[in-house]
N, C-alpha and C. Protein backbone atom coordinates (compact mmCIF):
# COMPACT_ATOMS: atom_id res chain seq x y z
N MET A 1 -4.03 -11.81 -4.81
CA MET A 1 -3.02 -11.02 -4.15
C MET A 1 -3.84 -9.95 -3.18
N LYS A 2 -3.39 -8.99 -2.35
CA LYS A 2 -3.63 -8.50 -0.93
C LYS A 2 -3.50 -7.01 -1.57
N TYR A 3 -4.23 -6.59 -0.55
CA TYR A 3 -4.16 -4.94 -0.91
C TYR A 3 -4.01 -4.28 0.67
N PHE A 4 -3.32 -3.11 0.56
CA PHE A 4 -3.56 -2.13 1.54
C PHE A 4 -3.45 -0.92 1.28
N PHE A 5 -4.20 0.35 1.93
CA PHE A 5 -3.93 2.01 1.92
C PHE A 5 -2.50 2.54 2.66
N LEU A 6 -1.65 3.14 1.94
CA LEU A 6 -0.61 4.21 2.31
C LEU A 6 -1.42 5.51 2.33
N THR A 7 -1.07 6.13 3.28
CA THR A 7 -1.09 7.61 3.38
C THR A 7 0.39 8.30 2.46
N GLU A 8 -0.04 8.77 1.96
CA GLU A 8 0.54 9.84 1.06
C GLU A 8 2.07 10.30 2.01
N GLY A 9 3.21 10.59 2.18
CA GLY A 9 4.19 10.58 2.38
C GLY A 9 5.00 10.01 3.11
N TRP A 10 4.28 8.39 3.29
CA TRP A 10 5.23 6.78 4.14
C TRP A 10 5.08 6.38 3.15
N THR A 11 6.48 4.87 3.37
CA THR A 11 7.06 4.43 2.36
C THR A 11 6.81 3.37 3.64
N ILE A 12 7.26 1.95 2.04
CA ILE A 12 7.19 0.85 2.62
C ILE A 12 8.79 0.20 3.15
N GLY A 13 8.81 -0.21 4.34
CA GLY A 13 9.88 -0.79 4.97
C GLY A 13 10.22 -2.44 4.75
N ARG A 14 10.30 -3.25 5.91
CA ARG A 14 10.60 -4.50 5.99
C ARG A 14 8.99 -5.29 5.40
N VAL A 15 9.10 -6.18 4.91
CA VAL A 15 8.44 -7.51 4.29
C VAL A 15 8.26 -8.71 4.96
N TRP A 16 7.85 -8.76 5.35
CA TRP A 16 7.82 -10.73 6.11
C TRP A 16 6.30 -11.86 5.28
N ALA A 17 7.15 -12.80 5.09
CA ALA A 17 6.31 -13.61 4.22
C ALA A 17 6.21 -14.89 5.40
N SER A 18 5.84 -15.86 4.98
CA SER A 18 4.99 -17.11 5.83
C SER A 18 6.54 -17.69 6.71
N GLU A 19 7.53 -17.34 6.46
CA GLU A 19 8.96 -18.22 6.68
C GLU A 19 9.56 -17.13 7.30
N GLY A 20 9.18 -15.53 7.52
CA GLY A 20 9.72 -14.60 8.49
C GLY A 20 10.31 -13.72 7.66
N LEU A 21 11.04 -12.62 7.71
CA LEU A 21 11.22 -11.30 6.90
C LEU A 21 11.90 -11.94 5.62
N TRP A 22 11.05 -10.95 4.87
CA TRP A 22 11.87 -11.11 3.48
C TRP A 22 13.02 -11.65 3.08
N GLN A 23 13.44 -12.07 2.42
CA GLN A 23 15.07 -12.79 2.38
C GLN A 23 15.24 -12.15 0.35
N ILE A 24 15.99 -11.33 0.09
CA ILE A 24 15.80 -11.02 -1.25
C ILE A 24 16.80 -11.90 -1.86
N THR A 25 17.65 -12.87 -0.77
CA THR A 25 18.83 -13.56 -1.74
C THR A 25 18.37 -15.01 -1.81
N ALA A 26 17.15 -15.18 -0.41
CA ALA A 26 16.58 -16.83 -0.66
C ALA A 26 15.29 -16.78 -2.25
N TRP A 27 14.62 -15.36 -1.76
CA TRP A 27 13.50 -15.62 -2.74
C TRP A 27 14.19 -15.16 -4.09
N ARG A 28 15.24 -14.16 -4.24
CA ARG A 28 16.24 -14.09 -5.76
C ARG A 28 15.34 -13.08 -6.34
N ARG A 29 14.66 -12.07 -5.49
CA ARG A 29 14.05 -11.23 -5.91
C ARG A 29 13.31 -9.82 -5.10
N GLN A 30 13.03 -9.07 -5.32
CA GLN A 30 11.95 -7.78 -4.29
C GLN A 30 10.52 -8.77 -3.94
N PRO A 31 10.01 -8.40 -3.16
CA PRO A 31 8.17 -8.79 -2.92
C PRO A 31 7.77 -7.88 -3.81
N ASP A 32 6.98 -8.46 -4.63
CA ASP A 32 5.76 -7.45 -6.24
C ASP A 32 4.91 -7.05 -4.80
N ILE A 33 5.24 -5.65 -5.37
CA ILE A 33 4.72 -4.67 -4.35
C ILE A 33 4.46 -3.40 -5.06
N GLN A 34 2.93 -3.26 -5.65
CA GLN A 34 2.88 -2.09 -6.29
C GLN A 34 1.73 -1.02 -6.11
N ARG A 35 1.94 -0.21 -6.07
CA ARG A 35 1.12 1.37 -6.01
C ARG A 35 0.77 1.29 -6.70
N LEU A 36 -0.90 1.49 -7.26
CA LEU A 36 -2.04 1.45 -8.08
C LEU A 36 -2.12 3.22 -8.11
N ASN A 37 -2.48 3.36 -9.23
CA ASN A 37 -3.46 4.37 -9.37
C ASN A 37 -4.33 5.07 -9.22
N ILE A 38 -5.05 4.37 -7.76
CA ILE A 38 -6.46 4.92 -7.09
C ILE A 38 -6.30 5.04 -5.94
N SER A 39 -6.92 6.70 -5.68
CA SER A 39 -6.42 6.92 -3.76
C SER A 39 -7.96 7.65 -3.40
N LEU A 40 -8.21 7.59 -2.49
CA LEU A 40 -8.92 7.79 -1.58
C LEU A 40 -8.48 9.05 -0.59
N VAL A 41 -10.05 9.97 -0.25
CA VAL A 41 -9.26 11.06 0.28
C VAL A 41 -10.38 10.95 1.62
N GLU A 42 -9.58 11.25 2.94
CA GLU A 42 -10.07 11.30 3.82
C GLU A 42 -9.67 11.74 5.50
N ASN A 43 -10.26 12.87 5.36
CA ASN A 43 -9.95 14.00 6.50
C ASN A 43 -8.90 14.49 6.21
N ASN A 44 -8.90 14.80 4.82
CA ASN A 44 -8.23 15.79 3.77
C ASN A 44 -6.57 15.33 3.59
N GLU A 45 -6.39 13.54 3.69
CA GLU A 45 -5.13 12.62 4.00
C GLU A 45 -5.83 12.28 2.80
N LEU A 46 -4.78 12.14 1.79
CA LEU A 46 -4.40 11.23 0.70
C LEU A 46 -3.63 10.01 0.92
N MET A 47 -4.78 8.92 0.20
CA MET A 47 -4.29 7.42 0.95
C MET A 47 -4.28 6.30 -0.72
N TRP A 48 -3.01 5.81 -1.38
CA TRP A 48 -2.91 5.68 -2.19
C TRP A 48 -3.31 3.93 -2.14
N LEU A 49 -3.85 3.32 -2.66
CA LEU A 49 -3.71 1.86 -3.20
C LEU A 49 -2.82 1.52 -3.24
N TYR A 50 -2.49 0.02 -2.34
CA TYR A 50 -0.97 -0.72 -2.81
C TYR A 50 -1.53 -2.02 -3.33
N ARG A 51 -1.11 -3.33 -3.96
CA ARG A 51 -1.47 -4.61 -4.17
C ARG A 51 -0.06 -4.89 -3.92
N ILE A 52 -0.62 -6.38 -3.81
CA ILE A 52 0.91 -7.13 -2.85
C ILE A 52 0.60 -8.66 -2.80
N GLU A 53 2.00 -9.07 -3.45
CA GLU A 53 1.68 -10.76 -4.03
C GLU A 53 0.93 -11.61 -2.35
N ASP A 54 0.27 -12.60 -2.64
CA ASP A 54 -0.15 -13.28 -1.58
C ASP A 54 0.74 -14.01 -0.48
N ALA A 55 2.13 -14.11 -1.18
CA ALA A 55 2.84 -14.42 -0.29
C ALA A 55 3.44 -13.80 1.44
N VAL A 56 3.06 -12.19 0.42
CA VAL A 56 3.37 -11.13 1.84
C VAL A 56 2.57 -11.49 2.65
N ILE A 57 2.23 -11.91 4.64
CA ILE A 57 1.60 -11.60 5.12
C ILE A 57 1.90 -10.62 5.88
N THR A 58 2.81 -9.40 5.86
CA THR A 58 3.35 -8.40 6.72
C THR A 58 3.85 -8.04 6.56
N VAL A 59 3.89 -6.32 6.19
CA VAL A 59 4.30 -5.29 6.21
C VAL A 59 4.53 -3.86 7.16
N GLU A 60 5.46 -3.82 6.95
CA GLU A 60 5.81 -2.26 8.02
C GLU A 60 6.09 -0.89 7.16
N VAL A 61 5.32 -0.33 7.32
CA VAL A 61 5.27 1.55 6.92
C VAL A 61 5.80 1.77 8.07
N LYS A 62 6.43 3.09 7.10
CA LYS A 62 6.87 4.44 8.12
C LYS A 62 6.61 5.59 7.14
N PRO A 63 6.72 6.96 8.06
CA PRO A 63 6.70 8.17 7.32
C PRO A 63 8.06 8.42 6.79
N THR A 64 8.14 9.02 5.54
CA THR A 64 9.69 9.85 5.11
C THR A 64 9.80 10.57 6.08
N PRO A 65 11.03 10.81 6.00
CA PRO A 65 11.57 11.79 6.81
C PRO A 65 11.12 13.45 6.64
N SER A 66 10.73 13.42 5.10
CA SER A 66 10.37 15.23 5.39
C SER A 66 8.03 15.09 5.12
N ALA A 67 8.34 13.48 5.76
CA ALA A 67 6.45 13.72 6.59
C ALA A 67 6.70 13.42 7.60
N ILE A 68 7.72 13.51 7.95
CA ILE A 68 7.58 13.34 9.60
C ILE A 68 7.09 14.61 10.44
N VAL A 69 5.82 15.34 11.37
CA VAL A 69 5.73 16.27 12.05
C VAL A 69 6.34 15.41 13.70
N SER A 70 5.64 16.38 14.15
CA SER A 70 6.13 16.44 15.70
C SER A 70 5.36 15.47 16.93
N GLU A 71 4.10 15.24 16.47
CA GLU A 71 3.13 14.51 16.69
C GLU A 71 3.09 12.91 15.75
N ALA A 72 3.88 13.01 14.75
CA ALA A 72 3.71 11.61 13.85
C ALA A 72 4.29 10.15 14.85
N ILE A 73 3.69 9.16 13.70
CA ILE A 73 4.01 8.02 14.50
C ILE A 73 5.27 7.30 13.96
N GLY A 74 6.43 6.54 14.66
CA GLY A 74 7.49 6.23 13.65
C GLY A 74 7.65 5.25 12.68
N GLN A 75 6.64 4.46 13.05
CA GLN A 75 6.48 3.11 11.87
C GLN A 75 5.43 1.93 12.55
N VAL A 76 4.31 1.71 11.78
CA VAL A 76 3.09 0.63 11.35
C VAL A 76 3.32 -0.22 11.43
N VAL A 77 3.25 -1.68 11.53
CA VAL A 77 3.74 -2.91 10.78
C VAL A 77 1.79 -3.33 10.83
N LEU A 78 1.59 -3.55 9.19
CA LEU A 78 0.27 -3.99 8.99
C LEU A 78 0.26 -5.66 8.87
N LYS A 79 -0.69 -6.50 9.56
CA LYS A 79 -1.01 -6.84 9.88
C LYS A 79 -2.22 -7.78 8.96
N ARG A 80 -2.67 -7.22 8.88
CA ARG A 80 -4.44 -7.57 8.56
C ARG A 80 -4.52 -7.01 6.87
N LEU A 81 -4.33 -7.81 5.44
CA LEU A 81 -3.99 -6.74 4.11
C LEU A 81 -5.57 -7.19 4.06
N MET A 82 -5.72 -6.65 2.92
CA MET A 82 -7.51 -6.36 2.63
C MET A 82 -7.18 -7.22 1.29
N THR A 83 -8.70 -8.32 1.28
CA THR A 83 -9.02 -9.00 -0.17
C THR A 83 -9.53 -7.57 -1.04
N ALA A 84 -9.17 -8.05 -2.49
CA ALA A 84 -9.99 -7.46 -3.41
C ALA A 84 -11.38 -6.59 -2.87
N GLU A 85 -12.36 -7.73 -2.13
CA GLU A 85 -13.56 -7.46 -2.05
C GLU A 85 -14.13 -6.00 -0.56
N GLN A 86 -12.64 -6.37 -0.13
CA GLN A 86 -12.30 -5.25 1.38
C GLN A 86 -12.21 -4.27 0.90
N VAL A 87 -11.46 -4.38 -0.12
CA VAL A 87 -10.93 -2.78 -0.82
C VAL A 87 -12.21 -2.47 -1.68
N ILE A 88 -12.80 -2.86 -2.08
CA ILE A 88 -14.26 -2.47 -3.44
C ILE A 88 -15.03 -1.61 -2.12
N GLU A 89 -15.42 -2.87 -1.06
CA GLU A 89 -16.66 -1.98 0.09
C GLU A 89 -15.72 -0.75 0.64
N ARG A 90 -14.77 -0.44 0.77
CA ARG A 90 -13.96 0.62 1.13
C ARG A 90 -13.77 1.68 0.23
N LEU A 91 -13.98 1.30 -0.67
CA LEU A 91 -14.21 2.50 -2.04
C LEU A 91 -15.28 3.04 -2.10
N GLU A 92 -16.80 1.73 -1.59
CA GLU A 92 -18.29 2.58 -2.10
C GLU A 92 -18.37 3.27 -0.57
N THR A 93 -17.31 3.69 0.42
CA THR A 93 -17.73 4.31 1.52
C THR A 93 -16.98 5.44 1.73
N ALA A 94 -16.39 5.58 0.67
CA ALA A 94 -15.25 7.04 0.96
C ALA A 94 -15.37 7.93 -0.32
N GLU A 95 -14.77 8.90 0.05
CA GLU A 95 -14.73 9.66 -1.07
C GLU A 95 -13.54 9.66 -1.74
N ALA A 96 -13.25 8.93 -3.42
CA ALA A 96 -12.33 8.41 -3.51
C ALA A 96 -12.26 8.90 -5.20
N LYS A 97 -10.91 9.20 -5.84
CA LYS A 97 -10.73 9.32 -7.34
C LYS A 97 -9.81 8.56 -7.43
N CYS A 98 -9.40 8.08 -9.11
CA CYS A 98 -9.02 7.11 -9.72
C CYS A 98 -7.97 8.19 -10.63
N GLN A 99 -7.08 8.49 -10.89
CA GLN A 99 -5.88 8.75 -11.74
C GLN A 99 -5.64 7.83 -12.81
N LEU A 100 -6.41 7.82 -13.88
CA LEU A 100 -5.53 7.17 -14.76
C LEU A 100 -4.00 8.11 -15.47
N GLN A 101 -2.86 7.32 -15.87
CA GLN A 101 -2.11 8.47 -15.88
C GLN A 101 -1.87 8.30 -17.75
N ASN A 102 -2.28 6.66 -18.42
CA ASN A 102 -2.24 7.05 -20.06
C ASN A 102 -3.46 6.51 -20.23
N ILE A 103 -4.68 7.55 -20.49
CA ILE A 103 -5.85 7.03 -21.02
C ILE A 103 -5.39 6.45 -22.26
N GLN A 104 -5.00 7.07 -23.06
CA GLN A 104 -4.76 5.96 -24.28
C GLN A 104 -5.30 4.40 -24.19
N SER A 105 -3.75 3.97 -23.68
CA SER A 105 -3.88 2.70 -23.34
C SER A 105 -4.84 1.74 -22.67
N VAL A 106 -5.81 2.20 -21.44
CA VAL A 106 -6.51 1.96 -21.55
C VAL A 106 -7.90 1.83 -22.37
N LEU A 107 -7.80 2.92 -23.19
CA LEU A 107 -8.81 2.46 -24.39
C LEU A 107 -8.77 1.80 -25.17
N LEU A 108 -7.22 1.22 -25.70
CA LEU A 108 -7.50 0.31 -26.68
C LEU A 108 -7.19 -0.81 -26.48
């Protein structure tokens, strides 16, 4: 698995695999991208951790229409996705918080 942080108010656009742009008809499914319940706050900006399958090599992200401000960037292409070890290193150096939606299922 690979990982990346995405600022609250941003969304995932196009996705690329090694063969090129992700084609739902060829893969017969959407890429496996999951937002985890782990976020960190940096410069008053909330960033969520996402997990993505190994087949993905590049992800386009862009602000949602409600998040666009006068000096916002139109879109960004993430080419250097993180390993689990890099995520842990990043969390060690940041103000991080973990949000658990269902604590009972975690404790069982």
